[in-house]
Protein backbone atom coordinates (compact mmCIF):
# COMPACT_ATOMS: atom_id res chain seq x y z
CA MET A 1 130.62 2.89 43.77
CA ILE A 2 130.33 5.22 40.77
CA TYR A 3 132.89 7.83 39.82
CA CYS A 4 134.34 9.54 36.75
CA ILE A 5 137.88 9.62 35.44
CA ALA A 6 139.78 11.90 33.11
CA VAL A 7 142.28 9.93 31.03
CA LEU A 8 145.10 11.96 29.49
CA LYS A 9 147.83 11.12 26.99
CA SER A 10 150.81 11.78 29.27
CA ARG A 11 151.70 11.80 32.94
CA THR A 12 152.79 15.42 32.60
CA MET A 13 149.24 16.31 31.53
CA VAL A 14 147.79 14.32 34.44
CA TYR A 15 149.87 16.32 36.92
CA GLU A 16 149.08 19.60 35.14
CA LEU A 17 145.36 18.89 35.44
CA ALA A 18 145.79 17.80 39.07
CA ASP A 19 147.46 21.13 39.88
CA ALA A 20 144.63 23.03 38.17
CA LEU A 21 141.98 21.04 40.04
CA SER A 22 143.74 21.72 43.34
CA TYR A 23 143.87 25.41 42.53
CA GLY A 24 140.15 25.30 41.67
CA GLY A 25 139.33 23.61 44.98
CA LEU A 26 138.03 20.37 43.45
CA GLN A 27 138.64 17.05 45.16
CA TYR A 28 140.31 14.38 43.06
CA SER A 29 142.67 11.41 43.22
CA ILE A 30 145.33 10.23 40.83
CA ILE A 31 144.71 6.54 40.15
CA ASN A 32 145.88 3.81 37.81
CA THR A 33 143.75 3.88 34.68
CA PRO A 34 141.41 0.88 34.58
CA THR A 35 142.63 -1.53 31.90
CA ARG A 36 139.15 -1.57 30.38
CA ALA A 37 139.61 2.06 29.29
CA HIS A 38 142.33 0.92 26.80
CA ILE A 39 143.76 4.45 26.55
CA GLY A 40 146.16 6.88 28.12
CA CYS A 41 149.45 6.89 29.96
CA GLY A 42 148.44 4.59 32.81
CA LEU A 43 147.35 7.30 35.25
CA SER A 44 144.00 9.05 35.47
CA ILE A 45 142.27 11.71 37.51
CA LYS A 46 139.37 10.29 39.55
CA PHE A 47 136.62 12.72 40.54
CA SER A 48 132.94 12.88 41.43
CA CYS A 49 130.75 12.75 38.29
CA PRO A 50 128.77 15.92 39.11
CA TYR A 51 132.04 17.86 38.63
CA LYS A 52 132.53 16.68 35.03
CA SER A 53 131.52 19.98 33.40
CA ARG A 54 133.89 21.89 35.69
CA VAL A 55 136.75 19.48 34.93
CA GLU A 56 136.03 19.83 31.19
CA GLU A 57 136.14 23.61 31.54
CA ILE A 58 139.50 23.45 33.32
CA CYS A 59 140.85 21.12 30.60
CA PHE A 60 139.70 23.58 27.92
CA ASN A 61 141.27 26.55 29.72
CA ARG A 62 144.57 24.66 30.10
CA GLY A 63 144.66 23.54 26.46
CA LEU A 64 144.14 19.89 27.38
CA SER A 65 140.71 19.35 25.83
CA GLY A 66 142.15 17.62 22.74
CA HIS A 67 144.16 15.26 24.92
CA VAL A 68 141.57 13.99 27.40
CA ALA A 69 138.80 11.39 27.43
CA PHE A 70 136.20 11.03 30.16
CA TYR A 71 134.83 7.77 31.50
CA ARG A 72 132.19 6.73 34.02
CA VAL A 73 133.37 3.86 36.21
CA GLU A 74 131.03 1.65 38.19
CA ASN A 75 132.39 -0.95 40.59
CA ARG A 76 129.92 -3.75 41.25
CA GLY A 77 131.60 -6.13 43.62
CA LEU A 78 134.01 -8.15 41.52
CA SER A 79 133.00 -6.58 38.22
CA MET A 80 133.74 -3.13 36.84
CA SER A 81 131.97 -1.21 34.09
CA VAL A 82 133.91 1.51 32.25
CA THR A 83 131.90 3.67 29.83
CA ARG A 84 133.14 6.60 27.78
CA ILE A 85 131.08 9.74 28.40
């Protein structure tokens, strides 16, 4: 399974982005940040990778672009790959 996550600096920012994504009609989940990301407040927004440019645009419009990092996550059975994108 491959998906993308947006990792933000605070939980308030995570919920602000979640509200904006809901308003924009994008599907997402709030998940625990994978420990391999080594960043953030512990929560992340999980979304389908093809939506990354739209999520980036929403972050920019909400003033969150300086507070977010994007990662591609790939689950391979018992192993997980987390790559900054």
